Amino acid sequence: MSLDVDATYENGVLKLDHPLPLGDHQRVKVTVHDAAGRAKGAYGLIGWTGDPEVVRKLALDPEYSVQESP
C-alpha cells in the first residue's frame, strides 16, 4: 500500500493532518519531501537557458493567464 499524506513538522515530530488507516505497531517506510511552491517544484522542467526575467514577464502577463469559462 502507498499513501500520500500531508503533515507539519513541529518540535521534532511530524504531525499528520489526518489519521492513517494503519494498525497499531504496523511498520512503515517514510520518505519526506518538502512541500515546495509550484515554481520551485517545477524548476528546470522546461530547460530554459535564457534570461529569467523574460520567463517572469511571460508568467505574469495577463494575456497568458488562465481564461475562465463563460
N, C-alpha and C. Protein backbone atom coordinates (compact mmCIF):
# COMPACT_ATOMS: atom_id res chain seq x y z
N MET A 1 0.86 -1.18 0.00
CA MET A 1 0.00 0.00 0.00
C MET A 1 0.89 1.23 0.00
N SER A 2 0.46 2.25 -0.74
CA SER A 2 1.19 3.51 -0.80
C SER A 2 0.22 4.64 -0.49
N LEU A 3 0.64 5.58 0.36
CA LEU A 3 -0.19 6.71 0.75
C LEU A 3 0.59 8.00 0.61
N ASP A 4 -0.08 9.04 0.16
CA ASP A 4 0.48 10.39 0.21
C ASP A 4 -0.28 11.13 1.28
N VAL A 5 0.43 11.66 2.26
CA VAL A 5 -0.23 12.36 3.36
C VAL A 5 0.42 13.72 3.57
N ASP A 6 -0.33 14.63 4.12
CA ASP A 6 0.19 15.95 4.47
C ASP A 6 0.46 15.98 5.97
N ALA A 7 1.56 16.61 6.33
CA ALA A 7 1.94 16.69 7.74
C ALA A 7 2.71 17.98 7.98
N THR A 8 2.83 18.33 9.23
CA THR A 8 3.60 19.51 9.63
C THR A 8 4.67 19.06 10.62
N TYR A 9 5.89 19.52 10.40
CA TYR A 9 6.98 19.20 11.31
C TYR A 9 6.99 20.23 12.42
N GLU A 10 6.86 19.78 13.65
CA GLU A 10 6.79 20.69 14.79
C GLU A 10 7.48 20.09 16.01
N ASN A 11 8.46 20.77 16.55
CA ASN A 11 9.19 20.32 17.74
C ASN A 11 9.72 18.90 17.60
N GLY A 12 10.28 18.59 16.44
CA GLY A 12 10.90 17.29 16.23
C GLY A 12 9.94 16.17 15.90
N VAL A 13 8.66 16.48 15.67
CA VAL A 13 7.66 15.44 15.41
C VAL A 13 6.86 15.81 14.17
N LEU A 14 6.59 14.82 13.32
CA LEU A 14 5.69 15.03 12.19
C LEU A 14 4.27 14.85 12.68
N LYS A 15 3.46 15.89 12.51
CA LYS A 15 2.06 15.82 12.93
C LYS A 15 1.20 15.71 11.68
N LEU A 16 0.54 14.57 11.53
CA LEU A 16 -0.28 14.31 10.35
C LEU A 16 -1.55 15.13 10.38
N ASP A 17 -2.00 15.55 9.19
CA ASP A 17 -3.24 16.32 9.10
C ASP A 17 -4.47 15.43 9.35
N HIS A 18 -4.35 14.13 9.02
CA HIS A 18 -5.46 13.19 9.19
C HIS A 18 -4.90 11.84 9.67
N PRO A 19 -5.70 11.06 10.38
CA PRO A 19 -5.24 9.73 10.81
C PRO A 19 -4.97 8.82 9.61
N LEU A 20 -4.10 7.86 9.80
CA LEU A 20 -3.78 6.90 8.75
C LEU A 20 -4.53 5.59 8.97
N PRO A 21 -4.86 4.90 7.88
CA PRO A 21 -5.55 3.61 8.00
C PRO A 21 -4.57 2.47 8.27
N LEU A 22 -3.88 2.55 9.37
CA LEU A 22 -2.86 1.55 9.73
C LEU A 22 -3.18 0.95 11.09
N GLY A 23 -2.72 -0.27 11.29
CA GLY A 23 -2.90 -0.92 12.58
C GLY A 23 -1.81 -0.52 13.56
N ASP A 24 -2.08 -0.69 14.84
CA ASP A 24 -1.08 -0.42 15.86
C ASP A 24 0.17 -1.26 15.63
N HIS A 25 1.31 -0.66 15.80
CA HIS A 25 2.62 -1.29 15.67
C HIS A 25 2.94 -1.76 14.25
N GLN A 26 2.17 -1.31 13.27
CA GLN A 26 2.45 -1.66 11.88
C GLN A 26 3.67 -0.87 11.43
N ARG A 27 4.63 -1.56 10.85
CA ARG A 27 5.86 -0.91 10.39
C ARG A 27 5.62 -0.29 9.02
N VAL A 28 6.18 0.89 8.81
CA VAL A 28 6.08 1.58 7.53
C VAL A 28 7.43 2.20 7.18
N LYS A 29 7.60 2.56 5.93
CA LYS A 29 8.79 3.28 5.49
C LYS A 29 8.33 4.66 5.08
N VAL A 30 9.02 5.71 5.56
CA VAL A 30 8.61 7.08 5.32
C VAL A 30 9.66 7.79 4.46
N THR A 31 9.18 8.47 3.42
CA THR A 31 10.02 9.34 2.60
C THR A 31 9.46 10.75 2.73
N VAL A 32 10.30 11.71 3.05
CA VAL A 32 9.83 13.08 3.28
C VAL A 32 10.24 13.97 2.11
N HIS A 33 9.27 14.71 1.57
CA HIS A 33 9.51 15.69 0.52
C HIS A 33 9.01 17.04 1.03
N ASP A 34 9.83 18.06 0.87
CA ASP A 34 9.42 19.41 1.25
C ASP A 34 8.28 19.85 0.33
N ALA A 35 7.21 20.37 0.89
CA ALA A 35 6.08 20.85 0.09
C ALA A 35 6.42 22.22 -0.49
N ALA A 36 7.18 22.20 -1.58
CA ALA A 36 7.63 23.44 -2.21
C ALA A 36 6.51 24.07 -3.02
N GLY A 37 6.66 25.35 -3.30
CA GLY A 37 5.71 26.04 -4.15
C GLY A 37 5.77 25.49 -5.57
N ARG A 38 4.78 25.83 -6.38
CA ARG A 38 4.73 25.34 -7.76
C ARG A 38 5.96 25.73 -8.56
N ALA A 39 6.39 26.96 -8.44
CA ALA A 39 7.54 27.41 -9.21
C ALA A 39 8.80 26.64 -8.80
N LYS A 40 9.00 26.49 -7.51
CA LYS A 40 10.19 25.78 -7.04
C LYS A 40 10.14 24.31 -7.43
N GLY A 41 8.96 23.71 -7.35
CA GLY A 41 8.81 22.30 -7.72
C GLY A 41 8.98 22.05 -9.21
N ALA A 42 8.67 23.05 -10.03
CA ALA A 42 8.77 22.89 -11.48
C ALA A 42 10.10 23.40 -12.03
N TYR A 43 10.95 23.90 -11.17
CA TYR A 43 12.22 24.47 -11.62
C TYR A 43 12.99 23.49 -12.50
N GLY A 44 13.39 23.95 -13.67
CA GLY A 44 14.21 23.14 -14.56
C GLY A 44 13.45 22.25 -15.52
N LEU A 45 12.13 22.19 -15.44
CA LEU A 45 11.37 21.29 -16.30
C LEU A 45 11.40 21.69 -17.77
N ILE A 46 11.44 22.98 -18.08
CA ILE A 46 11.42 23.39 -19.49
C ILE A 46 12.82 23.57 -20.06
N GLY A 47 13.82 23.43 -19.27
CA GLY A 47 15.19 23.55 -19.76
C GLY A 47 15.54 24.94 -20.27
N TRP A 48 14.92 25.95 -19.73
CA TRP A 48 15.15 27.33 -20.17
C TRP A 48 16.58 27.73 -19.85
N THR A 49 17.27 28.25 -20.86
CA THR A 49 18.65 28.71 -20.64
C THR A 49 18.77 30.21 -20.86
N GLY A 50 17.64 30.86 -21.11
CA GLY A 50 17.66 32.30 -21.36
C GLY A 50 17.56 33.11 -20.09
N ASP A 51 17.19 34.35 -20.28
CA ASP A 51 17.09 35.32 -19.20
C ASP A 51 15.90 35.00 -18.29
N PRO A 52 16.09 34.83 -16.99
CA PRO A 52 14.98 34.54 -16.08
C PRO A 52 13.94 35.65 -16.05
N GLU A 53 14.34 36.86 -16.35
CA GLU A 53 13.40 37.99 -16.35
C GLU A 53 12.36 37.83 -17.46
N VAL A 54 12.76 37.26 -18.59
CA VAL A 54 11.82 37.02 -19.69
C VAL A 54 10.75 36.03 -19.26
N VAL A 55 11.15 34.96 -18.60
CA VAL A 55 10.19 33.96 -18.12
C VAL A 55 9.26 34.58 -17.09
N ARG A 56 9.79 35.39 -16.20
CA ARG A 56 8.96 36.03 -15.19
C ARG A 56 7.90 36.92 -15.84
N LYS A 57 8.31 37.72 -16.84
CA LYS A 57 7.36 38.59 -17.53
C LYS A 57 6.27 37.79 -18.23
N LEU A 58 6.66 36.70 -18.88
CA LEU A 58 5.67 35.86 -19.55
C LEU A 58 4.71 35.22 -18.55
N ALA A 59 5.23 34.76 -17.44
CA ALA A 59 4.40 34.10 -16.43
C ALA A 59 3.39 35.05 -15.81
N LEU A 60 3.75 36.32 -15.71
CA LEU A 60 2.87 37.31 -15.08
C LEU A 60 2.02 38.09 -16.08
N ASP A 61 2.23 37.87 -17.37
CA ASP A 61 1.49 38.60 -18.40
C ASP A 61 0.03 38.15 -18.43
N PRO A 62 -0.92 39.09 -18.24
CA PRO A 62 -2.34 38.73 -18.23
C PRO A 62 -2.81 38.09 -19.54
N GLU A 63 -2.13 38.38 -20.63
CA GLU A 63 -2.52 37.78 -21.92
C GLU A 63 -2.42 36.26 -21.88
N TYR A 64 -1.55 35.72 -21.06
CA TYR A 64 -1.35 34.28 -20.98
C TYR A 64 -1.96 33.65 -19.74
N SER A 65 -2.81 34.40 -19.04
CA SER A 65 -3.42 33.86 -17.83
C SER A 65 -4.51 32.86 -18.18
N VAL A 66 -4.93 32.09 -17.19
CA VAL A 66 -5.98 31.10 -17.38
C VAL A 66 -7.30 31.84 -17.61
N GLN A 67 -7.97 31.47 -18.68
CA GLN A 67 -9.25 32.10 -19.01
C GLN A 67 -10.38 31.33 -18.34
N GLU A 68 -11.31 32.06 -17.75
CA GLU A 68 -12.48 31.42 -17.13
C GLU A 68 -13.52 31.16 -18.20
N SER A 69 -14.26 30.06 -18.05
CA SER A 69 -15.33 29.74 -18.98
C SER A 69 -16.49 30.69 -18.78
N PRO A 70 -17.20 31.06 -19.87
CA PRO A 70 -18.35 31.96 -19.72
C PRO A 70 -19.51 31.30 -19.02
